[in-house]
Amino acid sequence: MLLSLPHRKRIKFLSQTAILEFKCGVPEEGRSRFELILREYPKRTDLWSVYLDQVRSIKFIKMASVLFILSNYASLLTYIDLL
């Protein structure tokens, strides 16, 4: 079923599934899903932002600060690629 979705909608579907896992009390599953997505698309700062918001919402402050640094690094790489 997932392969039948267009590529852009597949990423949206996976990120929405990860958000639901965070909200429904399975944050480890949501975290691993976001990490899989971001491993494939490390420069997608919109996904980094959503992931960071979800981690902050469950009060993992140290992990949120590390993710903030990583997301800034990803946006810096995107900026450098544009130059």
Protein backbone atom coordinates (compact mmCIF):
# COMPACT_ATOMS: atom_id res chain seq x y z
CA MET A 1 0.00 0.00 0.00
CA LEU A 2 2.76 2.44 0.90
CA LEU A 3 4.52 1.94 -2.43
CA SER A 4 1.34 2.83 -4.30
CA LEU A 5 1.43 6.37 -2.87
CA PRO A 6 3.25 9.10 -4.79
CA HIS A 7 6.67 9.87 -3.34
CA ARG A 8 5.69 13.25 -1.84
CA LYS A 9 2.59 11.81 -0.18
CA ARG A 10 4.57 8.85 1.16
CA ILE A 11 6.77 11.13 3.25
CA LYS A 12 3.72 13.00 4.51
CA PHE A 13 2.00 9.72 5.41
CA LEU A 14 5.04 8.42 7.30
CA SER A 15 5.50 11.66 9.23
CA GLN A 16 1.81 11.79 10.16
CA THR A 17 2.02 8.18 11.33
CA ALA A 18 5.03 9.07 13.49
CA ILE A 19 3.14 12.04 14.98
CA LEU A 20 0.22 9.78 15.87
CA GLU A 21 2.57 7.32 17.53
CA PHE A 22 3.98 10.13 19.67
CA LYS A 23 0.49 11.31 20.62
CA CYS A 24 -0.94 7.86 21.30
CA GLY A 25 1.68 6.92 23.86
CA VAL A 26 4.25 5.04 21.76
CA PRO A 27 6.99 7.67 21.47
CA GLU A 28 9.75 5.15 20.82
CA GLU A 29 8.01 3.96 17.66
CA GLY A 30 7.43 7.54 16.54
CA ARG A 31 11.02 8.42 17.23
CA SER A 32 12.35 5.49 15.24
CA ARG A 33 10.02 6.30 12.34
CA PHE A 34 11.21 9.93 12.25
CA GLU A 35 14.82 8.80 12.42
CA LEU A 36 14.28 6.49 9.44
CA ILE A 37 12.70 9.31 7.44
CA LEU A 38 15.44 11.78 8.38
CA ARG A 39 18.18 9.29 7.60
CA GLU A 40 16.86 9.23 4.05
CA TYR A 41 16.09 12.98 3.85
CA PRO A 42 18.52 14.73 6.24
CA LYS A 43 18.07 18.18 4.68
CA ARG A 44 14.30 18.30 5.14
CA THR A 45 14.18 20.97 7.83
CA ASP A 46 10.38 20.82 7.92
CA LEU A 47 10.59 17.21 9.10
CA TRP A 48 13.30 18.10 11.61
CA SER A 49 11.03 20.80 13.00
CA VAL A 50 8.07 18.45 13.38
CA TYR A 51 10.26 15.81 15.02
CA LEU A 52 11.69 18.40 17.42
CA ASP A 53 8.18 19.57 18.36
CA GLN A 54 7.09 16.01 19.10
CA VAL A 55 10.12 15.30 21.25
CA ARG A 56 9.60 18.54 23.18
CA SER A 57 5.95 17.68 23.74
CA ILE A 58 6.90 14.54 25.67
CA LYS A 59 9.40 16.47 27.81
CA PHE A 60 12.66 14.92 26.57
CA ILE A 61 14.51 18.20 27.00
CA LYS A 62 18.07 16.90 26.51
CA MET A 63 17.09 15.02 23.36
CA ALA A 64 15.24 18.09 22.08
CA SER A 65 18.33 20.25 22.49
CA VAL A 66 20.45 17.73 20.57
CA LEU A 67 17.83 17.55 17.80
CA PHE A 68 17.76 21.34 17.63
CA ILE A 69 21.51 21.38 17.00
CA LEU A 70 21.19 18.66 14.35
CA SER A 71 18.33 20.45 12.59
CA ASN A 72 20.36 23.66 12.47
CA TYR A 73 23.24 21.70 10.99
CA ALA A 74 20.90 20.25 8.34
CA SER A 75 19.61 23.70 7.42
CA LEU A 76 23.20 24.96 7.21
CA LEU A 77 24.04 22.15 4.79
CA THR A 78 21.01 23.09 2.69
CA TYR A 79 22.17 26.72 2.63
CA ILE A 80 25.68 25.71 1.59
CA ASP A 81 24.29 23.57 -1.24
CA LEU A 82 22.40 26.59 -2.55
CA LEU A 83 25.61 28.64 -2.83
